[in-house]
PDB file of N, CA and C in Angstrom:
ATOM      1  N   MET A   1     -38.205 -35.929 -59.461  1.00  0.00           N
ATOM      2  CA  MET A   1     -37.684 -35.868 -58.126  1.00  0.00           C
ATOM      3  C   MET A   1     -38.081 -34.553 -57.500  1.00  0.00           C
ATOM      4  N   GLU A   2     -38.257 -34.695 -56.246  1.00  0.00           N
ATOM      5  CA  GLU A   2     -38.602 -33.502 -55.490  1.00  0.00           C
ATOM      6  C   GLU A   2     -37.330 -32.801 -55.029  1.00  0.00           C
ATOM      7  N   GLU A   3     -37.361 -31.553 -55.177  1.00  0.00           N
ATOM      8  CA  GLU A   3     -36.225 -30.774 -54.705  1.00  0.00           C
ATOM      9  C   GLU A   3     -36.434 -30.423 -53.247  1.00  0.00           C
ATOM     10  N   LYS A   4     -35.443 -30.728 -52.467  1.00  0.00           N
ATOM     11  CA  LYS A   4     -35.528 -30.410 -51.046  1.00  0.00           C
ATOM     12  C   LYS A   4     -34.924 -29.042 -50.826  1.00  0.00           C
ATOM     13  N   LYS A   5     -35.675 -28.247 -50.179  1.00  0.00           N
ATOM     14  CA  LYS A   5     -35.193 -26.911 -49.876  1.00  0.00           C
ATOM     15  C   LYS A   5     -34.627 -26.903 -48.467  1.00  0.00           C
ATOM     16  N   ASP A   6     -33.428 -26.395 -48.370  1.00  0.00           N
ATOM     17  CA  ASP A   6     -32.819 -26.262 -47.053  1.00  0.00           C
ATOM     18  C   ASP A   6     -33.363 -25.008 -46.397  1.00  0.00           C
ATOM     19  N   ILE A   7     -34.082 -25.236 -45.355  1.00  0.00           N
ATOM     20  CA  ILE A   7     -34.631 -24.114 -44.613  1.00  0.00           C
ATOM     21  C   ILE A   7     -33.795 -23.952 -43.350  1.00  0.00           C
ATOM     22  N   ALA A   8     -33.161 -22.839 -43.253  1.00  0.00           N
ATOM     23  CA  ALA A   8     -32.333 -22.556 -42.080  1.00  0.00           C
ATOM     24  C   ALA A   8     -33.192 -21.842 -41.054  1.00  0.00           C
ATOM     25  N   VAL A   9     -33.311 -22.459 -39.937  1.00  0.00           N
ATOM     26  CA  VAL A   9     -34.080 -21.864 -38.859  1.00  0.00           C
ATOM     27  C   VAL A   9     -33.104 -21.119 -37.955  1.00  0.00           C
ATOM     28  N   THR A  10     -33.335 -19.868 -37.844  1.00  0.00           N
ATOM     29  CA  THR A  10     -32.463 -19.069 -36.989  1.00  0.00           C
ATOM     30  C   THR A  10     -33.226 -18.632 -35.765  1.00  0.00           C
ATOM     31  N   LYS A  11     -32.586 -18.733 -34.676  1.00  0.00           N
ATOM     32  CA  LYS A  11     -33.170 -18.276 -33.415  1.00  0.00           C
ATOM     33  C   LYS A  11     -32.459 -16.999 -33.009  1.00  0.00           C
ATOM     34  N   GLU A  12     -33.239 -16.058 -32.654  1.00  0.00           N
ATOM     35  CA  GLU A  12     -32.658 -14.813 -32.185  1.00  0.00           C
ATOM     36  C   GLU A  12     -32.427 -14.915 -30.685  1.00  0.00           C
ATOM     37  N   VAL A  13     -31.183 -14.809 -30.317  1.00  0.00           N
ATOM     38  CA  VAL A  13     -30.817 -14.886 -28.915  1.00  0.00           C
ATOM     39  C   VAL A  13     -30.484 -13.481 -28.454  1.00  0.00           C
ATOM     40  N   LYS A  14     -31.177 -13.073 -27.424  1.00  0.00           N
ATOM     41  CA  LYS A  14     -30.937 -11.739 -26.893  1.00  0.00           C
ATOM     42  C   LYS A  14     -29.824 -11.820 -25.857  1.00  0.00           C
ATOM     43  N   THR A  15     -28.821 -11.035 -26.083  1.00  0.00           N
ATOM     44  CA  THR A  15     -27.726 -10.962 -25.118  1.00  0.00           C
ATOM     45  C   THR A  15     -27.665  -9.549 -24.581  1.00  0.00           C
ATOM     46  N   GLU A  16     -27.666  -9.477 -23.293  1.00  0.00           N
ATOM     47  CA  GLU A  16     -27.591  -8.171 -22.656  1.00  0.00           C
ATOM     48  C   GLU A  16     -26.154  -7.912 -22.219  1.00  0.00           C
ATOM     49  N   VAL A  17     -25.655  -6.803 -22.612  1.00  0.00           N
ATOM     50  CA  VAL A  17     -24.308  -6.410 -22.231  1.00  0.00           C
ATOM     51  C   VAL A  17     -24.431  -5.296 -21.214  1.00  0.00           C
ATOM     52  N   LYS A  18     -23.904  -5.556 -20.043  1.00  0.00           N
ATOM     53  CA  LYS A  18     -23.951  -4.548 -18.993  1.00  0.00           C
ATOM     54  C   LYS A  18     -22.701  -3.692 -19.094  1.00  0.00           C
ATOM     55  N   THR A  19     -22.912  -2.430 -19.209  1.00  0.00           N
ATOM     56  CA  THR A  19     -21.780  -1.511 -19.291  1.00  0.00           C
ATOM     57  C   THR A  19     -21.746  -0.679 -18.028  1.00  0.00           C
ATOM     58  N   GLU A  20     -21.256  -1.278 -16.989  1.00  0.00           N
ATOM     59  CA  GLU A  20     -21.134  -0.571 -15.720  1.00  0.00           C
ATOM     60  C   GLU A  20     -19.692  -0.138 -15.538  1.00  0.00           C
ATOM     61  N   SER A  21     -19.533   1.035 -15.067  1.00  0.00           N
ATOM     62  CA  SER A  21     -18.176   1.495 -14.786  1.00  0.00           C
ATOM     63  C   SER A  21     -17.689   0.830 -13.508  1.00  0.00           C
ATOM     64  N   THR A  22     -16.391   0.718 -13.386  1.00  0.00           N
ATOM     65  CA  THR A  22     -15.813   0.049 -12.218  1.00  0.00           C
ATOM     66  C   THR A  22     -15.205   1.071 -11.276  1.00  0.00           C
ATOM     67  N   ARG A  23     -15.972   2.072 -10.929  1.00  0.00           N
ATOM     68  CA  ARG A  23     -15.476   3.047  -9.971  1.00  0.00           C
ATOM     69  C   ARG A  23     -15.395   2.401  -8.598  1.00  0.00           C
ATOM     70  N   THR A  24     -14.612   2.979  -7.736  1.00  0.00           N
ATOM     71  CA  THR A  24     -14.453   2.416  -6.405  1.00  0.00           C
ATOM     72  C   THR A  24     -15.747   2.565  -5.627  1.00  0.00           C
ATOM     73  N   GLY A  25     -16.110   1.540  -4.912  1.00  0.00           N
ATOM     74  CA  GLY A  25     -17.303   1.586  -4.087  1.00  0.00           C
ATOM     75  C   GLY A  25     -18.568   1.198  -4.822  1.00  0.00           C
ATOM     76  N   GLU A  26     -18.493   0.928  -6.120  1.00  0.00           N
ATOM     77  CA  GLU A  26     -19.691   0.588  -6.875  1.00  0.00           C
ATOM     78  C   GLU A  26     -19.956  -0.908  -6.766  1.00  0.00           C
ATOM     79  N   ARG A  27     -21.219  -1.245  -6.731  1.00  0.00           N
ATOM     80  CA  ARG A  27     -21.583  -2.655  -6.642  1.00  0.00           C
ATOM     81  C   ARG A  27     -21.866  -3.200  -8.034  1.00  0.00           C
ATOM     82  N   ARG A  28     -21.390  -4.394  -8.293  1.00  0.00           N
ATOM     83  CA  ARG A  28     -21.733  -5.075  -9.526  1.00  0.00           C
ATOM     84  C   ARG A  28     -21.778  -6.569  -9.228  1.00  0.00           C
ATOM     85  N   PRO A  29     -22.492  -7.349 -10.022  1.00  0.00           N
ATOM     86  CA  PRO A  29     -22.664  -8.766  -9.682  1.00  0.00           C
ATOM     87  C   PRO A  29     -21.378  -9.561  -9.852  1.00  0.00           C
ATOM     88  N   PHE A  30     -21.218 -10.532  -8.981  1.00  0.00           N
ATOM     89  CA  PHE A  30     -20.092 -11.446  -9.038  1.00  0.00           C
ATOM     90  C   PHE A  30     -20.388 -12.461 -10.131  1.00  0.00           C
ATOM     91  N   LYS A  31     -19.420 -12.847 -10.920  1.00  0.00           N
ATOM     92  CA  LYS A  31     -19.657 -13.689 -12.085  1.00  0.00           C
ATOM     93  C   LYS A  31     -20.275 -15.045 -11.738  1.00  0.00           C
ATOM     94  N   LYS A  32     -19.769 -15.665 -10.701  1.00  0.00           N
ATOM     95  CA  LYS A  32     -20.180 -17.027 -10.434  1.00  0.00           C
ATOM     96  C   LYS A  32     -21.552 -17.118  -9.770  1.00  0.00           C
ATOM     97  N   PHE A  33     -21.806 -16.300  -8.808  1.00  0.00           N
ATOM     98  CA  PHE A  33     -23.035 -16.437  -8.035  1.00  0.00           C
ATOM     99  C   PHE A  33     -24.035 -15.304  -8.255  1.00  0.00           C
ATOM    100  N   ASP A  34     -23.680 -14.322  -9.048  1.00  0.00           N
ATOM    101  CA  ASP A  34     -24.543 -13.167  -9.317  1.00  0.00           C
ATOM    102  C   ASP A  34     -24.984 -12.454  -8.056  1.00  0.00           C
ATOM    103  N   LYS A  35     -24.097 -12.367  -7.107  1.00  0.00           N
ATOM    104  CA  LYS A  35     -24.363 -11.599  -5.893  1.00  0.00           C
ATOM    105  C   LYS A  35     -23.592 -10.293  -5.987  1.00  0.00           C
ATOM    106  N   PRO A  36     -24.110  -9.242  -5.417  1.00  0.00           N
ATOM    107  CA  PRO A  36     -23.360  -7.981  -5.477  1.00  0.00           C
ATOM    108  C   PRO A  36     -22.087  -8.060  -4.645  1.00  0.00           C
ATOM    109  N   ARG A  37     -21.053  -7.480  -5.162  1.00  0.00           N
ATOM    110  CA  ARG A  37     -19.761  -7.491  -4.493  1.00  0.00           C
ATOM    111  C   ARG A  37     -19.257  -6.062  -4.429  1.00  0.00           C
ATOM    112  N   ARG A  38     -18.662  -5.714  -3.328  1.00  0.00           N
ATOM    113  CA  ARG A  38     -18.206  -4.340  -3.140  1.00  0.00           C
ATOM    114  C   ARG A  38     -16.718  -4.229  -3.462  1.00  0.00           C
ATOM    115  N   PHE A  39     -16.384  -3.261  -4.286  1.00  0.00           N
ATOM    116  CA  PHE A  39     -14.992  -3.015  -4.643  1.00  0.00           C
ATOM    117  C   PHE A  39     -14.483  -1.832  -3.833  1.00  0.00           C
ATOM    118  N   THR A  40     -13.291  -1.951  -3.325  1.00  0.00           N
ATOM    119  CA  THR A  40     -12.705  -0.881  -2.533  1.00  0.00           C
ATOM    120  C   THR A  40     -11.424  -0.394  -3.196  1.00  0.00           C
ATOM    121  N   LYS A  41     -10.892   0.700  -2.681  1.00  0.00           N
ATOM    122  CA  LYS A  41      -9.661   1.253  -3.237  1.00  0.00           C
ATOM    123  C   LYS A  41      -8.485   0.316  -3.005  1.00  0.00           C
ATOM    124  N   ASN A  42      -8.360  -0.193  -1.798  1.00  0.00           N
ATOM    125  CA  ASN A  42      -7.223  -1.047  -1.453  1.00  0.00           C
ATOM    126  C   ASN A  42      -7.570  -2.495  -1.761  1.00  0.00           C
ATOM    127  N   LYS A  43      -7.050  -3.022  -2.855  1.00  0.00           N
ATOM    128  CA  LYS A  43      -7.313  -4.408  -3.201  1.00  0.00           C
ATOM    129  C   LYS A  43      -6.382  -5.349  -2.451  1.00  0.00           C
ATOM    130  N   PHE A  44      -5.244  -4.826  -2.040  1.00  0.00           N
ATOM    131  CA  PHE A  44      -4.283  -5.636  -1.319  1.00  0.00           C
ATOM    132  C   PHE A  44      -4.207  -5.148   0.120  1.00  0.00           C
ATOM    133  N   PHE A  45      -4.227  -6.074   1.028  1.00  0.00           N
ATOM    134  CA  PHE A  45      -4.164  -5.720   2.435  1.00  0.00           C
ATOM    135  C   PHE A  45      -2.720  -5.801   2.897  1.00  0.00           C
ATOM    136  N   SER A  46      -2.268  -4.754   3.549  1.00  0.00           N
ATOM    137  CA  SER A  46      -0.895  -4.749   4.031  1.00  0.00           C
ATOM    138  C   SER A  46      -0.835  -5.380   5.419  1.00  0.00           C
ATOM    139  N   ARG A  47       0.292  -5.982   5.708  1.00  0.00           N
ATOM    140  CA  ARG A  47       0.480  -6.583   7.022  1.00  0.00           C
ATOM    141  C   ARG A  47       0.657  -5.490   8.049  1.00  0.00           C
ATOM    142  N   LYS A  48       0.221  -5.767   9.257  1.00  0.00           N
ATOM    143  CA  LYS A  48       0.368  -4.792  10.323  1.00  0.00           C
ATOM    144  C   LYS A  48       1.838  -4.687  10.700  1.00  0.00           C
ATOM    145  N   LYS A  49       2.309  -3.455  10.826  1.00  0.00           N
ATOM    146  CA  LYS A  49       3.703  -3.218  11.170  1.00  0.00           C
ATOM    147  C   LYS A  49       3.837  -3.062  12.674  1.00  0.00           C
ATOM    148  N   PHE A  50       4.887  -3.635  13.212  1.00  0.00           N
ATOM    149  CA  PHE A  50       5.148  -3.537  14.632  1.00  0.00           C
ATOM    150  C   PHE A  50       6.375  -2.668  14.852  1.00  0.00           C
ATOM    151  N   CYS A  51       6.386  -2.024  15.983  1.00  0.00           N
ATOM    152  CA  CYS A  51       7.483  -1.123  16.316  1.00  0.00           C
ATOM    153  C   CYS A  51       8.778  -1.932  16.493  1.00  0.00           C
ATOM    154  N   PHE A  52       9.819  -1.480  15.811  1.00  0.00           N
ATOM    155  CA  PHE A  52      11.121  -2.147  15.874  1.00  0.00           C
ATOM    156  C   PHE A  52      11.692  -2.102  17.283  1.00  0.00           C
ATOM    157  N   PHE A  53      11.492  -0.990  17.978  1.00  0.00           N
ATOM    158  CA  PHE A  53      12.071  -0.811  19.310  1.00  0.00           C
ATOM    159  C   PHE A  53      11.247  -1.501  20.391  1.00  0.00           C
ATOM    160  N   CYS A  54       9.942  -1.647  20.178  1.00  0.00           N
ATOM    161  CA  CYS A  54       9.122  -2.389  21.144  1.00  0.00           C
ATOM    162  C   CYS A  54       9.436  -3.881  21.074  1.00  0.00           C
ATOM    163  N   LYS A  55       9.764  -4.377  19.872  1.00  0.00           N
ATOM    164  CA  LYS A  55      10.136  -5.781  19.724  1.00  0.00           C
ATOM    165  C   LYS A  55      11.510  -6.050  20.320  1.00  0.00           C
ATOM    166  N   ASN A  56      12.466  -5.174  20.015  1.00  0.00           N
ATOM    167  CA  ASN A  56      13.847  -5.333  20.478  1.00  0.00           C
ATOM    168  C   ASN A  56      14.099  -4.359  21.618  1.00  0.00           C
ATOM    169  N   LYS A  57      13.833  -4.805  22.822  1.00  0.00           N
ATOM    170  CA  LYS A  57      13.949  -3.934  24.003  1.00  0.00           C
ATOM    171  C   LYS A  57      15.396  -3.548  24.312  1.00  0.00           C
ATOM    172  N   ASP A  58      16.354  -4.375  23.881  1.00  0.00           N
ATOM    173  CA  ASP A  58      17.747  -4.107  24.232  1.00  0.00           C
ATOM    174  C   ASP A  58      18.382  -3.003  23.380  1.00  0.00           C
ATOM    175  N   ILE A  59      17.775  -2.620  22.264  1.00  0.00           N
ATOM    176  CA  ILE A  59      18.335  -1.567  21.411  1.00  0.00           C
ATOM    177  C   ILE A  59      17.911  -0.207  21.942  1.00  0.00           C
ATOM    178  N   GLU A  60      18.900   0.648  22.190  1.00  0.00           N
ATOM    179  CA  GLU A  60      18.623   1.993  22.686  1.00  0.00           C
ATOM    180  C   GLU A  60      18.731   2.992  21.546  1.00  0.00           C
ATOM    181  N   ILE A  61      17.897   4.002  21.595  1.00  0.00           N
ATOM    182  CA  ILE A  61      17.935   5.062  20.592  1.00  0.00           C
ATOM    183  C   ILE A  61      18.971   6.084  21.040  1.00  0.00           C
ATOM    184  N   ASP A  62      20.031   6.244  20.232  1.00  0.00           N
ATOM    185  CA  ASP A  62      21.111   7.166  20.576  1.00  0.00           C
ATOM    186  C   ASP A  62      21.597   7.846  19.304  1.00  0.00           C
ATOM    187  N   TYR A  63      21.925   9.117  19.396  1.00  0.00           N
ATOM    188  CA  TYR A  63      22.355   9.872  18.218  1.00  0.00           C
ATOM    189  C   TYR A  63      23.703   9.409  17.699  1.00  0.00           C
ATOM    190  N   LYS A  64      24.487   8.727  18.533  1.00  0.00           N
ATOM    191  CA  LYS A  64      25.801   8.250  18.110  1.00  0.00           C
ATOM    192  C   LYS A  64      25.720   6.996  17.240  1.00  0.00           C
ATOM    193  N   ASN A  65      24.587   6.306  17.290  1.00  0.00           N
ATOM    194  CA  ASN A  65      24.387   5.109  16.473  1.00  0.00           C
ATOM    195  C   ASN A  65      23.892   5.543  15.087  1.00  0.00           C
ATOM    196  N   VAL A  66      24.828   5.918  14.225  1.00  0.00           N
ATOM    197  CA  VAL A  66      24.500   6.508  12.926  1.00  0.00           C
ATOM    198  C   VAL A  66      23.824   5.494  12.001  1.00  0.00           C
ATOM    199  N   GLY A  67      24.235   4.250  12.070  1.00  0.00           N
ATOM    200  CA  GLY A  67      23.627   3.220  11.225  1.00  0.00           C
ATOM    201  C   GLY A  67      22.143   3.056  11.499  1.00  0.00           C
ATOM    202  N   LEU A  68      21.790   3.115  12.770  1.00  0.00           N
ATOM    203  CA  LEU A  68      20.381   3.012  13.152  1.00  0.00           C
ATOM    204  C   LEU A  68      19.609   4.258  12.735  1.00  0.00           C
ATOM    205  N   MET A  69      20.242   5.415  12.857  1.00  0.00           N
ATOM    206  CA  MET A  69      19.569   6.666  12.479  1.00  0.00           C
ATOM    207  C   MET A  69      19.332   6.737  10.973  1.00  0.00           C
ATOM    208  N   ARG A  70      20.266   6.217  10.193  1.00  0.00           N
ATOM    209  CA  ARG A  70      20.105   6.228   8.735  1.00  0.00           C
ATOM    210  C   ARG A  70      18.989   5.302   8.284  1.00  0.00           C
ATOM    211  N   ARG A  71      18.682   4.310   9.083  1.00  0.00           N
ATOM    212  CA  ARG A  71      17.578   3.408   8.750  1.00  0.00           C
ATOM    213  C   ARG A  71      16.240   4.146   8.759  1.00  0.00           C
ATOM    214  N   PHE A  72      16.140   5.191   9.560  1.00  0.00           N
ATOM    215  CA  PHE A  72      14.888   5.931   9.700  1.00  0.00           C
ATOM    216  C   PHE A  72      14.914   7.272   8.971  1.00  0.00           C
ATOM    217  N   THR A  73      15.865   7.447   8.068  1.00  0.00           N
ATOM    218  CA  THR A  73      15.888   8.634   7.212  1.00  0.00           C
ATOM    219  C   THR A  73      15.846   8.184   5.760  1.00  0.00           C
ATOM    220  N   ALA A  74      15.251   9.019   4.916  1.00  0.00           N
ATOM    221  CA  ALA A  74      15.185   8.727   3.487  1.00  0.00           C
ATOM    222  C   ALA A  74      16.518   9.071   2.833  1.00  0.00           C
ATOM    223  N   GLU A  75      16.633   8.755   1.552  1.00  0.00           N
ATOM    224  CA  GLU A  75      17.876   9.031   0.829  1.00  0.00           C
ATOM    225  C   GLU A  75      18.177  10.518   0.756  1.00  0.00           C
ATOM    226  N   ASN A  76      17.124  11.332   0.690  1.00  0.00           N
ATOM    227  CA  ASN A  76      17.341  12.772   0.588  1.00  0.00           C
ATOM    228  C   ASN A  76      17.563  13.428   1.943  1.00  0.00           C
ATOM    229  N   GLY A  77      17.533  12.663   3.036  1.00  0.00           N
ATOM    230  CA  GLY A  77      17.833  13.197   4.358  1.00  0.00           C
ATOM    231  C   GLY A  77      16.625  13.458   5.231  1.00  0.00           C
ATOM    232  N   LYS A  78      15.424  13.288   4.690  1.00  0.00           N
ATOM    233  CA  LYS A  78      14.219  13.537   5.484  1.00  0.00           C
ATOM    234  C   LYS A  78      13.962  12.379   6.446  1.00  0.00           C
ATOM    235  N   ILE A  79      13.324  12.691   7.553  1.00  0.00           N
ATOM    236  CA  ILE A  79      12.933  11.664   8.518  1.00  0.00           C
ATOM    237  C   ILE A  79      11.692  10.970   7.975  1.00  0.00           C
ATOM    238  N   THR A  80      11.738   9.636   7.893  1.00  0.00           N
ATOM    239  CA  THR A  80      10.597   8.906   7.339  1.00  0.00           C
ATOM    240  C   THR A  80       9.462   8.855   8.355  1.00  0.00           C
ATOM    241  N   PRO A  81       8.212   8.974   7.900  1.00  0.00           N
ATOM    242  CA  PRO A  81       7.068   8.987   8.813  1.00  0.00           C
ATOM    243  C   PRO A  81       6.768   7.615   9.403  1.00  0.00           C
ATOM    244  N   ARG A  82       5.926   7.624  10.430  1.00  0.00           N
ATOM    245  CA  ARG A  82       5.573   6.404  11.159  1.00  0.00           C
ATOM    246  C   ARG A  82       4.912   5.362  10.277  1.00  0.00           C
ATOM    247  N   LYS A  83       4.088   5.806   9.342  1.00  0.00           N
ATOM    248  CA  LYS A  83       3.341   4.832   8.546  1.00  0.00           C
ATOM    249  C   LYS A  83       4.241   4.016   7.631  1.00  0.00           C
ATOM    250  N   PHE A  84       5.428   4.505   7.331  1.00  0.00           N
ATOM    251  CA  PHE A  84       6.376   3.736   6.531  1.00  0.00           C
ATOM    252  C   PHE A  84       7.303   2.895   7.393  1.00  0.00           C
ATOM    253  N   THR A  85       7.743   3.441   8.530  1.00  0.00           N
ATOM    254  CA  THR A  85       8.687   2.705   9.369  1.00  0.00           C
ATOM    255  C   THR A  85       7.989   1.720  10.294  1.00  0.00           C
ATOM    256  N   GLY A  86       6.755   2.023  10.699  1.00  0.00           N
ATOM    257  CA  GLY A  86       6.018   1.127  11.581  1.00  0.00           C
ATOM    258  C   GLY A  86       6.327   1.319  13.051  1.00  0.00           C
ATOM    259  N   THR A  87       7.019   2.377  13.413  1.00  0.00           N
ATOM    260  CA  THR A  87       7.333   2.614  14.821  1.00  0.00           C
ATOM    261  C   THR A  87       6.134   3.213  15.545  1.00  0.00           C
ATOM    262  N   CYS A  88       6.102   3.050  16.852  1.00  0.00           N
ATOM    263  CA  CYS A  88       5.022   3.638  17.651  1.00  0.00           C
ATOM    264  C   CYS A  88       5.314   5.126  17.859  1.00  0.00           C
ATOM    265  N   ALA A  89       4.336   5.861  18.357  1.00  0.00           N
ATOM    266  CA  ALA A  89       4.460   7.315  18.498  1.00  0.00           C
ATOM    267  C   ALA A  89       5.579   7.694  19.463  1.00  0.00           C
ATOM    268  N   LYS A  90       5.683   6.938  20.538  1.00  0.00           N
ATOM    269  CA  LYS A  90       6.708   7.224  21.553  1.00  0.00           C
ATOM    270  C   LYS A  90       8.111   7.122  20.961  1.00  0.00           C
ATOM    271  N   HIS A  91       8.368   6.040  20.238  1.00  0.00           N
ATOM    272  CA  HIS A  91       9.694   5.834  19.680  1.00  0.00           C
ATOM    273  C   HIS A  91       9.948   6.722  18.459  1.00  0.00           C
ATOM    274  N   GLN A  92       8.895   7.078  17.726  1.00  0.00           N
ATOM    275  CA  GLN A  92       9.079   7.984  16.588  1.00  0.00           C
ATOM    276  C   GLN A  92       9.528   9.366  17.057  1.00  0.00           C
ATOM    277  N   ARG A  93       8.961   9.830  18.158  1.00  0.00           N
ATOM    278  CA  ARG A  93       9.389  11.119  18.724  1.00  0.00           C
ATOM    279  C   ARG A  93      10.846  11.059  19.164  1.00  0.00           C
ATOM    280  N   ALA A  94      11.217   9.950  19.802  1.00  0.00           N
ATOM    281  CA  ALA A  94      12.602   9.792  20.263  1.00  0.00           C
ATOM    282  C   ALA A  94      13.570   9.731  19.076  1.00  0.00           C
ATOM    283  N   ILE A  95      13.190   9.006  18.033  1.00  0.00           N
ATOM    284  CA  ILE A  95      14.041   8.911  16.843  1.00  0.00           C
ATOM    285  C   ILE A  95      14.222  10.283  16.210  1.00  0.00           C
ATOM    286  N   SER A  96      13.132  11.038  16.100  1.00  0.00           N
ATOM    287  CA  SER A  96      13.207  12.375  15.498  1.00  0.00           C
ATOM    288  C   SER A  96      14.159  13.275  16.266  1.00  0.00           C
ATOM    289  N   ASN A  97      14.062  13.247  17.583  1.00  0.00           N
ATOM    290  CA  ASN A  97      14.955  14.071  18.408  1.00  0.00           C
ATOM    291  C   ASN A  97      16.416  13.653  18.250  1.00  0.00           C
ATOM    292  N   GLU A  98      16.670  12.349  18.220  1.00  0.00           N
ATOM    293  CA  GLU A  98      18.045  11.859  18.101  1.00  0.00           C
ATOM    294  C   GLU A  98      18.620  12.137  16.711  1.00  0.00           C
ATOM    295  N   ILE A  99      17.783  12.058  15.681  1.00  0.00           N
ATOM    296  CA  ILE A  99      18.256  12.388  14.330  1.00  0.00           C
ATOM    297  C   ILE A  99      18.629  13.864  14.259  1.00  0.00           C
ATOM    298  N   LYS A 100      17.825  14.703  14.889  1.00  0.00           N
ATOM    299  CA  LYS A 100      18.118  16.142  14.910  1.00  0.00           C
ATOM    300  C   LYS A 100      19.418  16.429  15.665  1.00  0.00           C
ATOM    301  N   LYS A 101      19.665  15.683  16.746  1.00  0.00           N
ATOM    302  CA  LYS A 101      20.932  15.834  17.474  1.00  0.00           C
ATOM    303  C   LYS A 101      22.107  15.405  16.600  1.00  0.00           C
ATOM    304  N   ALA A 102      21.939  14.280  15.892  1.00  0.00           N
ATOM    305  CA  ALA A 102      23.013  13.780  15.031  1.00  0.00           C
ATOM    306  C   ALA A 102      23.307  14.757  13.898  1.00  0.00           C
ATOM    307  N   ARG A 103      22.289  15.433  13.411  1.00  0.00           N
ATOM    308  CA  ARG A 103      22.501  16.456  12.380  1.00  0.00           C
ATOM    309  C   ARG A 103      23.279  17.642  12.936  1.00  0.00           C
ATOM    310  N   GLN A 104      22.949  18.040  14.164  1.00  0.00           N
ATOM    311  CA  GLN A 104      23.662  19.157  14.798  1.00  0.00           C
ATOM    312  C   GLN A 104      25.139  18.821  15.009  1.00  0.00           C
ATOM    313  N   MET A 105      25.405  17.567  15.342  1.00  0.00           N
ATOM    314  CA  MET A 105      26.783  17.134  15.578  1.00  0.00           C
ATOM    315  C   MET A 105      27.503  16.768  14.279  1.00  0.00           C
ATOM    316  N   ALA A 106      26.842  16.943  13.139  1.00  0.00           N
ATOM    317  CA  ALA A 106      27.387  16.663  11.797  1.00  0.00           C
ATOM    318  C   ALA A 106      27.697  15.182  11.586  1.00  0.00           C
ATOM    319  N   LEU A 107      26.921  14.302  12.211  1.00  0.00           N
ATOM    320  CA  LEU A 107      27.073  12.868  11.978  1.00  0.00           C
ATOM    321  C   LEU A 107      26.210  12.411  10.801  1.00  0.00           C
ATOM    322  N   ILE A 108      25.106  13.110  10.587  1.00  0.00           N
ATOM    323  CA  ILE A 108      24.190  12.823   9.479  1.00  0.00           C
ATOM    324  C   ILE A 108      24.010  14.109   8.679  1.00  0.00           C
ATOM    325  N   LYS A 109      23.917  13.971   7.363  1.00  0.00           N
ATOM    326  CA  LYS A 109      23.706  15.140   6.511  1.00  0.00           C
ATOM    327  C   LYS A 109      22.266  15.633   6.625  1.00  0.00           C
ATOM    328  N   TYR A 110      22.095  16.933   6.469  1.00  0.00           N
ATOM    329  CA  TYR A 110      20.751  17.504   6.453  1.00  0.00           C
ATOM    330  C   TYR A 110      20.031  17.144   5.160  1.00  0.00           C
ATOM    331  N   THR A 111      20.737  17.258   4.046  1.00  0.00           N
ATOM    332  CA  THR A 111      20.177  16.911   2.737  1.00  0.00           C
ATOM    333  C   THR A 111      21.185  16.066   1.981  1.00  0.00           C
ATOM    334  N   ASP A 112      20.761  15.518   0.861  1.00  0.00           N
ATOM    335  CA  ASP A 112      21.660  14.687   0.068  1.00  0.00           C
ATOM    336  C   ASP A 112      22.606  15.509  -0.795  1.00  0.00           C
ATOM    337  N   ARG A 113      22.361  16.806  -0.920  1.00  0.00           N
ATOM    338  CA  ARG A 113      23.172  17.656  -1.796  1.00  0.00           C
ATOM    339  C   ARG A 113      24.440  18.176  -1.132  1.00  0.00           C
ATOM    340  N   HIS A 114      24.560  18.117   0.157  1.00  0.00           N
ATOM    341  CA  HIS A 114      25.730  18.674   0.847  1.00  0.00           C
ATOM    342  C   HIS A 114      26.807  17.640   1.020  1.00  0.00           C
TER     343      HIS A 114
END
């Protein structure tokens, strides 16, 4: 009887591994279509904020309205900036002035420690 020798045929498959860093602004191919895609710092888009006072025309900014003034101050007593509250420049200036008046009249604390 003839002995059959099992000959294993191996194919060498070359696989290229791309080691690209994922720094912001760097281009690298998209998996599905192999097109370059641009990565940015902000992956999530925030909704545009509208001014609370421009929407609600009937609400007046007054230093005696402590509940409204506390909405625009942080826990430590600082006035929150426009980019967090979403107010327009005109109303942010008015809020700042009224908060300062309320502090002078001792309706709002200057800091959280007092």
